Amino acid sequence: MIKKSRFIIIALLICLLLSGCQNSGSNKTENKNEIIATWVASEDTIPVNLPYIVTFRPTGLGIRDGSSFSFEISGFNIYVYSGTNSETWSFSINGDKLTISTLTETIIYKKTDN
């Protein structure tokens, strides 16, 4: 129960972060492509089907790996749509570490400076 509560709190914080970035700076021109945070795959893990770089942007979560993906964040899952294939990725954030898991692999990413 405690673990589930922690994930709910993290999900709410991410939602607040993303909505706050969209609404902040009324006198500024908003840049929806501005990167809020970036994570890079740890040296001890080599992604096979997951990307090396993960970024948070005001419009949502984006993953850059040379391919075209679209995303939908729902609860604790990232739904990834690529062509006719779709897959659910679960994720968690603990401090400066982001963990993304699929059915076949789990990759730990470390937060970097933008």
N, C-alpha and C. Protein backbone atom coordinates (compact mmCIF):
# COMPACT_ATOMS: atom_id res chain seq x y z
N MET A 1 0.82 -1.19 0.00
CA MET A 1 0.00 0.00 0.00
C MET A 1 0.86 1.26 0.00
N ILE A 2 1.96 1.23 0.76
CA ILE A 2 2.85 2.38 0.83
C ILE A 2 3.49 2.62 -0.53
N LYS A 3 3.90 1.54 -1.21
CA LYS A 3 4.53 1.67 -2.52
C LYS A 3 3.55 2.27 -3.52
N LYS A 4 2.29 1.82 -3.48
CA LYS A 4 1.27 2.34 -4.39
C LYS A 4 1.04 3.82 -4.11
N SER A 5 1.00 4.22 -2.85
CA SER A 5 0.81 5.62 -2.49
C SER A 5 1.97 6.47 -2.99
N ARG A 6 3.18 5.94 -2.89
CA ARG A 6 4.35 6.66 -3.36
C ARG A 6 4.26 6.91 -4.86
N PHE A 7 3.83 5.91 -5.61
CA PHE A 7 3.71 6.08 -7.05
C PHE A 7 2.62 7.09 -7.40
N ILE A 8 1.53 7.09 -6.64
CA ILE A 8 0.46 8.07 -6.88
C ILE A 8 0.98 9.48 -6.64
N ILE A 9 1.75 9.66 -5.57
CA ILE A 9 2.32 10.97 -5.26
C ILE A 9 3.27 11.40 -6.37
N ILE A 10 4.12 10.49 -6.84
CA ILE A 10 5.06 10.82 -7.92
C ILE A 10 4.30 11.21 -9.18
N ALA A 11 3.26 10.46 -9.52
CA ALA A 11 2.47 10.76 -10.72
C ALA A 11 1.82 12.13 -10.61
N LEU A 12 1.29 12.45 -9.42
CA LEU A 12 0.69 13.77 -9.22
C LEU A 12 1.72 14.88 -9.33
N LEU A 13 2.91 14.66 -8.79
CA LEU A 13 3.97 15.66 -8.88
C LEU A 13 4.37 15.91 -10.33
N ILE A 14 4.45 14.84 -11.11
CA ILE A 14 4.80 14.99 -12.53
C ILE A 14 3.71 15.80 -13.24
N CYS A 15 2.44 15.48 -12.96
CA CYS A 15 1.34 16.23 -13.57
C CYS A 15 1.40 17.70 -13.19
N LEU A 16 1.66 17.99 -11.91
CA LEU A 16 1.76 19.38 -11.46
C LEU A 16 2.94 20.08 -12.12
N LEU A 17 4.06 19.40 -12.23
CA LEU A 17 5.23 19.96 -12.87
C LEU A 17 4.92 20.32 -14.32
N LEU A 18 4.31 19.38 -15.03
CA LEU A 18 4.01 19.62 -16.43
C LEU A 18 2.98 20.72 -16.61
N SER A 19 1.93 20.76 -15.80
CA SER A 19 0.91 21.80 -15.94
C SER A 19 1.45 23.15 -15.50
N GLY A 20 2.30 23.17 -14.48
CA GLY A 20 2.90 24.42 -14.03
C GLY A 20 3.80 25.03 -15.08
N CYS A 21 4.51 24.20 -15.81
CA CYS A 21 5.39 24.71 -16.85
C CYS A 21 4.59 25.26 -18.02
N GLN A 22 3.44 24.70 -18.29
CA GLN A 22 2.62 25.17 -19.39
C GLN A 22 1.99 26.51 -19.05
N ASN A 23 1.70 26.77 -17.78
CA ASN A 23 0.99 27.98 -17.39
C ASN A 23 1.91 29.08 -16.87
N SER A 24 3.18 28.81 -16.67
CA SER A 24 4.07 29.80 -16.08
C SER A 24 4.54 30.81 -17.11
N GLY A 25 4.93 31.99 -16.62
CA GLY A 25 5.52 32.99 -17.48
C GLY A 25 4.56 33.61 -18.46
N SER A 26 3.51 34.26 -17.98
CA SER A 26 2.50 34.82 -18.87
C SER A 26 3.07 35.92 -19.75
N ASN A 27 4.14 36.60 -19.33
CA ASN A 27 4.75 37.64 -20.14
C ASN A 27 5.80 37.10 -21.10
N LYS A 28 6.10 35.83 -21.01
CA LYS A 28 7.12 35.23 -21.85
C LYS A 28 6.47 34.46 -22.99
N THR A 29 7.23 34.28 -24.06
CA THR A 29 6.79 33.41 -25.13
C THR A 29 7.10 31.99 -24.69
N GLU A 30 6.08 31.14 -24.67
CA GLU A 30 6.30 29.76 -24.23
C GLU A 30 6.96 28.94 -25.33
N ASN A 31 7.90 28.13 -24.93
CA ASN A 31 8.56 27.22 -25.85
C ASN A 31 8.17 25.81 -25.44
N LYS A 32 7.24 25.22 -26.15
CA LYS A 32 6.74 23.90 -25.78
C LYS A 32 7.78 22.81 -26.03
N ASN A 33 8.86 23.12 -26.74
CA ASN A 33 9.92 22.15 -26.97
C ASN A 33 11.05 22.27 -25.95
N GLU A 34 10.91 23.23 -25.02
CA GLU A 34 11.93 23.41 -23.99
C GLU A 34 12.05 22.14 -23.15
N ILE A 35 13.28 21.70 -22.93
CA ILE A 35 13.52 20.49 -22.15
C ILE A 35 13.57 20.86 -20.68
N ILE A 36 12.73 20.20 -19.88
CA ILE A 36 12.69 20.44 -18.44
C ILE A 36 13.74 19.58 -17.75
N ALA A 37 13.85 18.33 -18.13
CA ALA A 37 14.82 17.41 -17.52
C ALA A 37 15.23 16.37 -18.55
N THR A 38 16.45 15.89 -18.44
CA THR A 38 16.98 14.89 -19.35
C THR A 38 17.62 13.77 -18.56
N TRP A 39 17.36 12.54 -18.96
CA TRP A 39 18.00 11.38 -18.37
C TRP A 39 18.73 10.61 -19.46
N VAL A 40 19.90 10.06 -19.13
CA VAL A 40 20.69 9.26 -20.06
C VAL A 40 20.88 7.88 -19.45
N ALA A 41 20.84 6.86 -20.31
CA ALA A 41 20.99 5.48 -19.84
C ALA A 41 22.30 5.32 -19.08
N SER A 42 22.23 4.62 -17.96
CA SER A 42 23.43 4.36 -17.14
C SER A 42 24.42 3.53 -17.93
N GLU A 43 25.69 3.68 -17.60
CA GLU A 43 26.73 2.95 -18.31
C GLU A 43 26.64 1.44 -18.11
N ASP A 44 26.05 1.01 -16.98
CA ASP A 44 25.98 -0.42 -16.70
C ASP A 44 24.77 -1.09 -17.34
N THR A 45 23.94 -0.32 -18.06
CA THR A 45 22.80 -0.91 -18.77
C THR A 45 22.85 -0.48 -20.23
N ILE A 46 22.63 -1.41 -21.13
CA ILE A 46 22.63 -1.11 -22.56
C ILE A 46 21.24 -1.34 -23.11
N PRO A 47 20.54 -0.26 -23.51
CA PRO A 47 19.19 -0.42 -24.04
C PRO A 47 19.18 -1.20 -25.35
N VAL A 48 18.23 -2.12 -25.47
CA VAL A 48 18.04 -2.87 -26.70
C VAL A 48 16.87 -2.26 -27.47
N ASN A 49 15.70 -2.21 -26.86
CA ASN A 49 14.52 -1.63 -27.49
C ASN A 49 14.13 -0.29 -26.88
N LEU A 50 14.81 0.12 -25.83
CA LEU A 50 14.53 1.41 -25.19
C LEU A 50 15.56 2.43 -25.66
N PRO A 51 15.23 3.71 -25.60
CA PRO A 51 16.15 4.75 -26.07
C PRO A 51 17.27 5.03 -25.07
N TYR A 52 18.31 5.72 -25.54
CA TYR A 52 19.42 6.11 -24.67
C TYR A 52 19.12 7.39 -23.91
N ILE A 53 18.30 8.28 -24.51
CA ILE A 53 18.02 9.58 -23.90
C ILE A 53 16.52 9.75 -23.72
N VAL A 54 16.10 10.19 -22.53
CA VAL A 54 14.70 10.46 -22.24
C VAL A 54 14.60 11.91 -21.78
N THR A 55 13.61 12.65 -22.30
CA THR A 55 13.46 14.04 -21.91
C THR A 55 12.04 14.33 -21.47
N PHE A 56 11.90 15.21 -20.48
CA PHE A 56 10.60 15.76 -20.10
C PHE A 56 10.49 17.13 -20.74
N ARG A 57 9.35 17.42 -21.37
CA ARG A 57 9.08 18.71 -21.99
C ARG A 57 7.74 19.21 -21.46
N PRO A 58 7.43 20.52 -21.61
CA PRO A 58 6.14 21.03 -21.13
C PRO A 58 4.94 20.32 -21.76
N THR A 59 5.10 19.79 -22.97
CA THR A 59 3.98 19.11 -23.63
C THR A 59 3.85 17.66 -23.21
N GLY A 60 4.77 17.16 -22.40
CA GLY A 60 4.70 15.77 -21.97
C GLY A 60 6.06 15.11 -22.04
N LEU A 61 6.05 13.81 -21.99
CA LEU A 61 7.30 13.06 -22.01
C LEU A 61 7.68 12.78 -23.45
N GLY A 62 8.92 13.01 -23.79
CA GLY A 62 9.39 12.73 -25.14
C GLY A 62 10.61 11.85 -25.09
N ILE A 63 10.74 10.97 -26.04
CA ILE A 63 11.91 10.11 -26.09
C ILE A 63 12.57 10.25 -27.45
N ARG A 64 13.86 10.55 -27.43
CA ARG A 64 14.59 10.73 -28.68
C ARG A 64 15.47 9.51 -28.91
N ASP A 65 15.24 8.82 -29.99
CA ASP A 65 16.10 7.69 -30.32
C ASP A 65 16.23 7.52 -31.82
N GLY A 66 15.93 8.57 -32.57
CA GLY A 66 16.03 8.49 -34.02
C GLY A 66 14.78 7.93 -34.67
N SER A 67 13.81 7.52 -33.88
CA SER A 67 12.57 6.97 -34.42
C SER A 67 11.42 7.92 -34.10
N SER A 68 10.30 7.67 -34.71
CA SER A 68 9.13 8.50 -34.47
C SER A 68 8.20 7.79 -33.49
N PHE A 69 7.98 8.40 -32.34
CA PHE A 69 7.09 7.85 -31.33
C PHE A 69 6.10 8.91 -30.90
N SER A 70 4.95 8.49 -30.46
CA SER A 70 4.05 9.39 -29.75
C SER A 70 3.74 8.75 -28.41
N PHE A 71 3.36 9.58 -27.43
CA PHE A 71 3.23 9.09 -26.07
C PHE A 71 1.92 9.50 -25.43
N GLU A 72 1.48 8.71 -24.50
CA GLU A 72 0.35 9.07 -23.65
C GLU A 72 0.71 8.59 -22.25
N ILE A 73 0.73 9.51 -21.29
CA ILE A 73 1.04 9.14 -19.91
C ILE A 73 -0.27 8.93 -19.18
N SER A 74 -0.43 7.76 -18.61
CA SER A 74 -1.64 7.43 -17.87
C SER A 74 -1.25 6.70 -16.60
N GLY A 75 -1.45 7.35 -15.47
CA GLY A 75 -1.07 6.72 -14.21
C GLY A 75 0.42 6.49 -14.16
N PHE A 76 0.81 5.23 -14.09
CA PHE A 76 2.22 4.89 -14.00
C PHE A 76 2.75 4.31 -15.29
N ASN A 77 1.96 4.39 -16.37
CA ASN A 77 2.38 3.78 -17.63
C ASN A 77 2.58 4.83 -18.71
N ILE A 78 3.55 4.57 -19.56
CA ILE A 78 3.75 5.37 -20.75
C ILE A 78 3.33 4.49 -21.91
N TYR A 79 2.30 4.88 -22.63
CA TYR A 79 1.87 4.10 -23.78
C TYR A 79 2.63 4.61 -25.00
N VAL A 80 3.33 3.72 -25.66
CA VAL A 80 4.19 4.09 -26.78
C VAL A 80 3.56 3.58 -28.07
N TYR A 81 3.39 4.49 -29.02
CA TYR A 81 2.81 4.12 -30.30
C TYR A 81 3.85 4.34 -31.38
N SER A 82 4.19 3.30 -32.09
CA SER A 82 5.18 3.38 -33.16
C SER A 82 4.65 2.59 -34.34
N GLY A 83 4.13 3.29 -35.34
CA GLY A 83 3.55 2.60 -36.49
C GLY A 83 2.36 1.77 -36.06
N THR A 84 2.37 0.49 -36.38
CA THR A 84 1.25 -0.38 -36.01
C THR A 84 1.49 -1.06 -34.67
N ASN A 85 2.70 -0.92 -34.12
CA ASN A 85 3.02 -1.56 -32.84
C ASN A 85 2.71 -0.61 -31.69
N SER A 86 2.25 -1.16 -30.61
CA SER A 86 2.10 -0.35 -29.40
C SER A 86 2.55 -1.20 -28.22
N GLU A 87 3.08 -0.54 -27.24
CA GLU A 87 3.65 -1.23 -26.09
C GLU A 87 3.46 -0.34 -24.87
N THR A 88 3.32 -0.95 -23.71
CA THR A 88 3.21 -0.18 -22.47
C THR A 88 4.54 -0.23 -21.74
N TRP A 89 5.05 0.94 -21.38
CA TRP A 89 6.27 1.03 -20.59
C TRP A 89 5.89 1.54 -19.22
N SER A 90 6.33 0.87 -18.17
CA SER A 90 6.12 1.39 -16.82
C SER A 90 7.37 2.17 -16.42
N PHE A 91 7.17 3.20 -15.60
CA PHE A 91 8.32 4.01 -15.20
C PHE A 91 8.20 4.44 -13.75
N SER A 92 9.35 4.74 -13.16
CA SER A 92 9.37 5.30 -11.81
C SER A 92 10.55 6.25 -11.71
N ILE A 93 10.40 7.26 -10.86
CA ILE A 93 11.46 8.23 -10.63
C ILE A 93 11.82 8.19 -9.16
N ASN A 94 13.11 8.03 -8.89
CA ASN A 94 13.60 8.01 -7.52
C ASN A 94 14.83 8.91 -7.46
N GLY A 95 14.66 10.12 -6.95
CA GLY A 95 15.77 11.07 -6.91
C GLY A 95 16.17 11.47 -8.32
N ASP A 96 17.44 11.23 -8.67
CA ASP A 96 17.91 11.57 -10.01
C ASP A 96 17.93 10.36 -10.94
N LYS A 97 17.25 9.29 -10.54
CA LYS A 97 17.20 8.07 -11.36
C LYS A 97 15.79 7.86 -11.91
N LEU A 98 15.71 7.54 -13.18
CA LEU A 98 14.47 7.20 -13.86
C LEU A 98 14.60 5.76 -14.31
N THR A 99 13.62 4.92 -13.99
CA THR A 99 13.63 3.52 -14.41
C THR A 99 12.46 3.30 -15.34
N ILE A 100 12.76 2.76 -16.53
CA ILE A 100 11.70 2.41 -17.49
C ILE A 100 11.78 0.91 -17.72
N SER A 101 10.62 0.24 -17.65
CA SER A 101 10.57 -1.21 -17.83
C SER A 101 9.59 -1.57 -18.92
N THR A 102 9.96 -2.57 -19.71
CA THR A 102 9.05 -3.18 -20.68
C THR A 102 8.95 -4.65 -20.31
N LEU A 103 8.29 -5.42 -21.14
CA LEU A 103 8.22 -6.86 -20.87
C LEU A 103 9.57 -7.53 -21.01
N THR A 104 10.47 -6.94 -21.81
CA THR A 104 11.74 -7.59 -22.09
C THR A 104 12.96 -6.96 -21.45
N GLU A 105 12.87 -5.72 -20.97
CA GLU A 105 14.05 -5.09 -20.39
C GLU A 105 13.69 -3.98 -19.41
N THR A 106 14.63 -3.68 -18.54
CA THR A 106 14.52 -2.57 -17.59
C THR A 106 15.80 -1.76 -17.70
N ILE A 107 15.66 -0.47 -17.93
CA ILE A 107 16.82 0.40 -18.06
C ILE A 107 16.74 1.48 -16.99
N ILE A 108 17.88 1.75 -16.36
CA ILE A 108 17.99 2.81 -15.36
C ILE A 108 18.70 3.98 -16.01
N TYR A 109 18.07 5.16 -15.92
CA TYR A 109 18.62 6.38 -16.49
C TYR A 109 19.05 7.31 -15.36
N LYS A 110 20.11 8.08 -15.59
CA LYS A 110 20.59 9.06 -14.61
C LYS A 110 20.32 10.45 -15.15
N LYS A 111 19.79 11.32 -14.27
CA LYS A 111 19.47 12.68 -14.67
C LYS A 111 20.74 13.45 -14.96
N THR A 112 20.70 14.26 -16.02
CA THR A 112 21.84 15.08 -16.41
C THR A 112 21.44 16.54 -16.37
N ASP A 113 22.43 17.43 -16.43
CA ASP A 113 22.15 18.87 -16.54
C ASP A 113 21.79 19.17 -17.98
N ASN A 114 20.82 20.07 -18.17
CA ASN A 114 20.40 20.42 -19.54
C ASN A 114 21.36 21.40 -20.15
